[in-house]
Amino acid sequence: YVDWYYENGIDGIFAVCQSSEMVYLSLSERVSLAEAVVKRAAGRINVVASGHIGNSTDEQIAEINEISETGIEQAFAFDNREIESDEKLYKAFEKWRISNKLELVYENDTEEYDD
């Protein structure tokens, strides 16, 4: 599908995201998925990934570190998981962003929404 999206004029693709059922994939599967999309995109389009679903801050930090090694251009970090320290996660992502020289989009989505 990466080629189809490219041929239809997109600028980027979100390879591993919350809406892609990533919660049902192991970390190695999430990493493999990001790697496959990066490989198929072959620099023609930007690839964004998230893939951090751990139940602790440390797990999420480890997961985003692995995703960052896949060749993605941008990481999307969110803190809407119930973890012990949003502040710790934010600081870790900021350190990660600086050290990896990749763009990091951080979304704080802790508000509750009424339907």
N, C-alpha and C. Protein backbone atom coordinates (compact mmCIF):
# COMPACT_ATOMS: atom_id res chain seq x y z
N TYR A 1 0.80 -1.21 0.00
CA TYR A 1 0.00 0.00 0.00
C TYR A 1 0.84 1.27 0.00
N VAL A 2 2.09 1.19 0.40
CA VAL A 2 2.95 2.37 0.43
C VAL A 2 3.06 2.96 -0.97
N ASP A 3 3.25 2.11 -1.97
CA ASP A 3 3.35 2.61 -3.35
C ASP A 3 2.07 3.29 -3.79
N TRP A 4 0.92 2.71 -3.44
CA TRP A 4 -0.36 3.29 -3.81
C TRP A 4 -0.50 4.68 -3.21
N TYR A 5 -0.17 4.81 -1.92
CA TYR A 5 -0.25 6.12 -1.28
C TYR A 5 0.69 7.12 -1.96
N TYR A 6 1.90 6.69 -2.26
CA TYR A 6 2.86 7.57 -2.93
C TYR A 6 2.32 8.01 -4.29
N GLU A 7 1.83 7.06 -5.06
CA GLU A 7 1.31 7.37 -6.40
C GLU A 7 0.11 8.29 -6.36
N ASN A 8 -0.56 8.35 -5.22
CA ASN A 8 -1.71 9.22 -5.08
C ASN A 8 -1.40 10.53 -4.36
N GLY A 9 -0.11 10.83 -4.24
CA GLY A 9 0.32 12.15 -3.84
C GLY A 9 0.47 12.47 -2.37
N ILE A 10 0.55 11.47 -1.50
CA ILE A 10 0.73 11.80 -0.09
C ILE A 10 2.17 12.25 0.18
N ASP A 11 2.34 12.98 1.24
CA ASP A 11 3.68 13.45 1.64
C ASP A 11 4.29 12.57 2.72
N GLY A 12 3.44 11.82 3.42
CA GLY A 12 3.95 11.00 4.51
C GLY A 12 2.95 9.94 4.92
N ILE A 13 3.42 9.00 5.70
CA ILE A 13 2.57 7.90 6.15
C ILE A 13 2.88 7.60 7.61
N PHE A 14 1.85 7.32 8.37
CA PHE A 14 1.99 6.98 9.79
C PHE A 14 2.00 5.46 9.87
N ALA A 15 3.17 4.88 10.04
CA ALA A 15 3.36 3.44 9.92
C ALA A 15 2.85 2.65 11.12
N VAL A 16 3.13 3.08 12.31
CA VAL A 16 2.73 2.36 13.52
C VAL A 16 2.07 3.37 14.43
N CYS A 17 0.75 3.26 14.55
CA CYS A 17 0.02 4.26 15.33
C CYS A 17 -1.05 3.58 16.16
N GLN A 18 -1.63 4.33 17.02
CA GLN A 18 -2.62 3.78 17.94
C GLN A 18 -3.83 3.20 17.21
N SER A 19 -4.21 3.79 16.09
CA SER A 19 -5.38 3.30 15.37
C SER A 19 -5.07 2.09 14.48
N SER A 20 -3.82 1.67 14.41
CA SER A 20 -3.45 0.54 13.56
C SER A 20 -3.40 -0.77 14.33
N GLU A 21 -4.09 -0.83 15.45
CA GLU A 21 -4.15 -2.02 16.28
C GLU A 21 -2.78 -2.44 16.80
N MET A 22 -1.90 -1.46 17.00
CA MET A 22 -0.55 -1.77 17.46
C MET A 22 -0.55 -2.42 18.84
N VAL A 23 -1.62 -2.24 19.60
CA VAL A 23 -1.67 -2.85 20.93
C VAL A 23 -1.72 -4.37 20.87
N TYR A 24 -2.05 -4.91 19.70
CA TYR A 24 -2.11 -6.37 19.54
C TYR A 24 -0.80 -6.95 18.98
N LEU A 25 0.17 -6.08 18.69
CA LEU A 25 1.44 -6.52 18.12
C LEU A 25 2.53 -6.50 19.18
N SER A 26 3.45 -7.43 19.08
CA SER A 26 4.61 -7.42 19.97
C SER A 26 5.52 -6.26 19.56
N LEU A 27 6.47 -5.93 20.41
CA LEU A 27 7.41 -4.87 20.07
C LEU A 27 8.18 -5.23 18.80
N SER A 28 8.62 -6.48 18.67
CA SER A 28 9.37 -6.85 17.47
C SER A 28 8.50 -6.73 16.21
N GLU A 29 7.20 -7.01 16.33
CA GLU A 29 6.31 -6.84 15.18
C GLU A 29 6.13 -5.37 14.84
N ARG A 30 6.01 -4.52 15.86
CA ARG A 30 5.88 -3.08 15.62
C ARG A 30 7.13 -2.52 14.96
N VAL A 31 8.28 -2.96 15.43
CA VAL A 31 9.55 -2.52 14.84
C VAL A 31 9.65 -3.01 13.40
N SER A 32 9.31 -4.27 13.16
CA SER A 32 9.35 -4.83 11.80
C SER A 32 8.42 -4.08 10.86
N LEU A 33 7.24 -3.72 11.35
CA LEU A 33 6.29 -2.98 10.54
C LEU A 33 6.86 -1.61 10.14
N ALA A 34 7.44 -0.91 11.10
CA ALA A 34 8.05 0.40 10.79
C ALA A 34 9.19 0.23 9.80
N GLU A 35 10.02 -0.77 10.00
CA GLU A 35 11.14 -1.01 9.09
C GLU A 35 10.66 -1.32 7.68
N ALA A 36 9.61 -2.12 7.56
CA ALA A 36 9.08 -2.48 6.24
C ALA A 36 8.55 -1.26 5.50
N VAL A 37 7.86 -0.38 6.22
CA VAL A 37 7.31 0.81 5.59
C VAL A 37 8.44 1.76 5.18
N VAL A 38 9.44 1.92 6.03
CA VAL A 38 10.59 2.77 5.70
C VAL A 38 11.29 2.23 4.45
N LYS A 39 11.48 0.93 4.41
CA LYS A 39 12.16 0.31 3.25
C LYS A 39 11.35 0.53 1.97
N ARG A 40 10.04 0.30 2.04
CA ARG A 40 9.20 0.44 0.86
C ARG A 40 9.07 1.90 0.43
N ALA A 41 9.05 2.81 1.39
CA ALA A 41 8.96 4.24 1.08
C ALA A 41 10.21 4.72 0.36
N ALA A 42 11.33 4.11 0.68
CA ALA A 42 12.61 4.38 -0.01
C ALA A 42 12.92 5.86 -0.15
N GLY A 43 12.60 6.65 0.88
CA GLY A 43 12.92 8.07 0.86
C GLY A 43 11.97 8.92 0.04
N ARG A 44 10.97 8.31 -0.58
CA ARG A 44 10.03 9.07 -1.42
C ARG A 44 9.02 9.84 -0.59
N ILE A 45 8.67 9.30 0.58
CA ILE A 45 7.71 9.94 1.48
C ILE A 45 8.22 9.82 2.90
N ASN A 46 7.81 10.74 3.74
CA ASN A 46 8.19 10.70 5.15
C ASN A 46 7.43 9.59 5.87
N VAL A 47 8.12 8.93 6.79
CA VAL A 47 7.49 7.89 7.57
C VAL A 47 7.50 8.30 9.04
N VAL A 48 6.33 8.24 9.65
CA VAL A 48 6.13 8.57 11.05
C VAL A 48 5.73 7.28 11.76
N ALA A 49 6.18 7.12 12.99
CA ALA A 49 5.79 5.95 13.77
C ALA A 49 5.67 6.32 15.23
N SER A 50 4.95 5.52 15.95
CA SER A 50 4.82 5.68 17.39
C SER A 50 5.23 4.36 18.02
N GLY A 51 4.30 3.48 18.23
CA GLY A 51 4.62 2.12 18.65
C GLY A 51 4.93 1.91 20.11
N HIS A 52 4.79 2.93 20.94
CA HIS A 52 5.07 2.72 22.37
C HIS A 52 3.76 2.53 23.12
N ILE A 53 3.61 1.35 23.71
CA ILE A 53 2.36 1.01 24.38
C ILE A 53 2.59 0.41 25.77
N GLY A 54 3.81 0.46 26.24
CA GLY A 54 4.14 -0.14 27.53
C GLY A 54 3.29 0.37 28.66
N ASN A 55 3.19 -0.42 29.71
CA ASN A 55 2.40 -0.04 30.86
C ASN A 55 3.19 0.76 31.90
N SER A 56 4.47 0.92 31.67
CA SER A 56 5.27 1.74 32.57
C SER A 56 6.03 2.76 31.75
N THR A 57 6.46 3.81 32.40
CA THR A 57 7.25 4.83 31.73
C THR A 57 8.50 4.23 31.12
N ASP A 58 9.20 3.40 31.87
CA ASP A 58 10.44 2.80 31.37
C ASP A 58 10.20 1.92 30.15
N GLU A 59 9.08 1.17 30.15
CA GLU A 59 8.75 0.35 28.97
C GLU A 59 8.50 1.24 27.75
N GLN A 60 7.78 2.31 27.95
CA GLN A 60 7.49 3.20 26.81
C GLN A 60 8.76 3.84 26.27
N ILE A 61 9.66 4.22 27.16
CA ILE A 61 10.93 4.81 26.72
C ILE A 61 11.73 3.80 25.92
N ALA A 62 11.81 2.57 26.40
CA ALA A 62 12.55 1.52 25.69
C ALA A 62 11.92 1.25 24.32
N GLU A 63 10.60 1.23 24.26
CA GLU A 63 9.92 0.96 23.00
C GLU A 63 10.16 2.06 21.98
N ILE A 64 10.04 3.31 22.38
CA ILE A 64 10.25 4.39 21.42
C ILE A 64 11.71 4.45 20.98
N ASN A 65 12.63 4.05 21.87
CA ASN A 65 14.03 3.98 21.45
C ASN A 65 14.22 2.96 20.34
N GLU A 66 13.57 1.81 20.45
CA GLU A 66 13.69 0.79 19.39
C GLU A 66 13.03 1.26 18.09
N ILE A 67 11.87 1.88 18.19
CA ILE A 67 11.19 2.39 17.00
C ILE A 67 12.06 3.44 16.32
N SER A 68 12.79 4.23 17.10
CA SER A 68 13.61 5.30 16.52
C SER A 68 14.76 4.78 15.68
N GLU A 69 15.11 3.54 15.86
CA GLU A 69 16.22 2.94 15.10
C GLU A 69 15.78 2.37 13.76
N THR A 70 14.54 2.54 13.37
CA THR A 70 14.02 1.91 12.15
C THR A 70 14.22 2.75 10.89
N GLY A 71 14.66 3.99 11.03
CA GLY A 71 14.83 4.85 9.87
C GLY A 71 13.70 5.83 9.66
N ILE A 72 12.79 5.92 10.62
CA ILE A 72 11.68 6.86 10.50
C ILE A 72 12.21 8.30 10.52
N GLU A 73 11.43 9.20 9.94
CA GLU A 73 11.80 10.62 9.95
C GLU A 73 11.23 11.35 11.14
N GLN A 74 10.16 10.84 11.69
CA GLN A 74 9.48 11.53 12.77
C GLN A 74 8.85 10.50 13.70
N ALA A 75 8.90 10.80 14.99
CA ALA A 75 8.25 9.94 15.97
C ALA A 75 7.10 10.72 16.59
N PHE A 76 6.04 10.01 16.87
CA PHE A 76 4.89 10.61 17.50
C PHE A 76 4.77 10.00 18.89
N ALA A 77 4.91 10.81 19.89
CA ALA A 77 4.84 10.34 21.27
C ALA A 77 3.56 10.85 21.91
N PHE A 78 2.91 9.99 22.65
CA PHE A 78 1.70 10.40 23.34
C PHE A 78 1.72 9.83 24.74
N ASP A 79 1.06 10.52 25.64
CA ASP A 79 1.08 10.07 27.03
C ASP A 79 -0.31 9.70 27.53
N ASN A 80 -1.16 9.25 26.63
CA ASN A 80 -2.52 8.94 27.07
C ASN A 80 -2.66 7.54 27.65
N ARG A 81 -1.57 6.83 27.81
CA ARG A 81 -1.58 5.56 28.51
C ARG A 81 -1.52 5.85 30.01
N GLU A 82 -2.07 5.00 30.80
CA GLU A 82 -2.00 5.22 32.24
C GLU A 82 -0.65 4.73 32.74
N ILE A 83 0.24 5.67 32.95
CA ILE A 83 1.58 5.36 33.42
C ILE A 83 1.84 6.15 34.68
N GLU A 84 2.94 5.80 35.36
CA GLU A 84 3.17 6.41 36.66
C GLU A 84 3.71 7.83 36.59
N SER A 85 4.26 8.24 35.46
CA SER A 85 4.87 9.57 35.45
C SER A 85 4.89 10.17 34.05
N ASP A 86 3.89 11.00 33.76
CA ASP A 86 3.88 11.71 32.48
C ASP A 86 5.08 12.64 32.37
N GLU A 87 5.45 13.27 33.49
CA GLU A 87 6.59 14.19 33.50
C GLU A 87 7.87 13.45 33.15
N LYS A 88 8.07 12.29 33.73
CA LYS A 88 9.26 11.47 33.44
C LYS A 88 9.27 11.07 31.96
N LEU A 89 8.11 10.68 31.44
CA LEU A 89 8.01 10.29 30.04
C LEU A 89 8.34 11.48 29.14
N TYR A 90 7.76 12.63 29.43
CA TYR A 90 8.02 13.82 28.62
C TYR A 90 9.51 14.16 28.60
N LYS A 91 10.15 14.14 29.76
CA LYS A 91 11.58 14.44 29.83
C LYS A 91 12.39 13.42 29.06
N ALA A 92 12.02 12.16 29.14
CA ALA A 92 12.73 11.12 28.40
C ALA A 92 12.57 11.32 26.90
N PHE A 93 11.36 11.65 26.46
CA PHE A 93 11.14 11.87 25.03
C PHE A 93 11.91 13.10 24.55
N GLU A 94 11.98 14.12 25.37
CA GLU A 94 12.74 15.31 24.98
C GLU A 94 14.22 14.97 24.84
N LYS A 95 14.76 14.20 25.77
CA LYS A 95 16.16 13.75 25.68
C LYS A 95 16.36 12.88 24.44
N TRP A 96 15.41 12.00 24.20
CA TRP A 96 15.47 11.13 23.03
C TRP A 96 15.46 11.94 21.74
N ARG A 97 14.59 12.94 21.68
CA ARG A 97 14.48 13.78 20.48
C ARG A 97 15.80 14.47 20.18
N ILE A 98 16.43 15.00 21.18
CA ILE A 98 17.69 15.70 21.01
C ILE A 98 18.80 14.74 20.59
N SER A 99 18.89 13.60 21.26
CA SER A 99 19.98 12.67 20.98
C SER A 99 19.82 11.95 19.65
N ASN A 100 18.60 11.76 19.18
CA ASN A 100 18.38 11.05 17.92
C ASN A 100 18.25 11.97 16.72
N LYS A 101 18.17 13.26 16.98
CA LYS A 101 18.07 14.26 15.92
C LYS A 101 16.92 13.97 14.95
N LEU A 102 15.85 13.45 15.48
CA LEU A 102 14.63 13.24 14.71
C LEU A 102 13.56 14.15 15.27
N GLU A 103 12.61 14.48 14.43
CA GLU A 103 11.52 15.30 14.91
C GLU A 103 10.61 14.47 15.80
N LEU A 104 10.24 15.03 16.92
CA LEU A 104 9.35 14.36 17.87
C LEU A 104 8.10 15.19 18.03
N VAL A 105 6.96 14.57 17.81
CA VAL A 105 5.67 15.21 18.07
C VAL A 105 5.15 14.61 19.36
N TYR A 106 4.91 15.44 20.34
CA TYR A 106 4.46 14.97 21.65
C TYR A 106 3.04 15.45 21.88
N GLU A 107 2.13 14.52 22.13
CA GLU A 107 0.75 14.89 22.38
C GLU A 107 0.35 14.46 23.78
N ASN A 108 -0.12 15.40 24.54
CA ASN A 108 -0.63 15.12 25.87
C ASN A 108 -2.14 15.00 25.74
N ASP A 109 -2.64 13.80 25.80
CA ASP A 109 -4.05 13.54 25.56
C ASP A 109 -4.68 12.91 26.80
N THR A 110 -4.61 13.61 27.89
CA THR A 110 -5.12 13.05 29.14
C THR A 110 -6.52 13.54 29.49
N GLU A 111 -7.08 14.41 28.68
CA GLU A 111 -8.43 14.90 28.94
C GLU A 111 -9.44 13.81 28.64
N GLU A 112 -10.53 13.83 29.39
CA GLU A 112 -11.62 12.91 29.10
C GLU A 112 -12.60 13.61 28.17
N TYR A 113 -13.16 12.86 27.24
CA TYR A 113 -14.08 13.42 26.27
C TYR A 113 -15.46 12.83 26.48
N ASP A 114 -16.47 13.68 26.35
CA ASP A 114 -17.85 13.22 26.45
C ASP A 114 -18.41 13.08 25.04
N ASP A 115 -19.13 12.00 24.82
CA ASP A 115 -19.78 11.80 23.51
C ASP A 115 -21.18 12.37 23.52
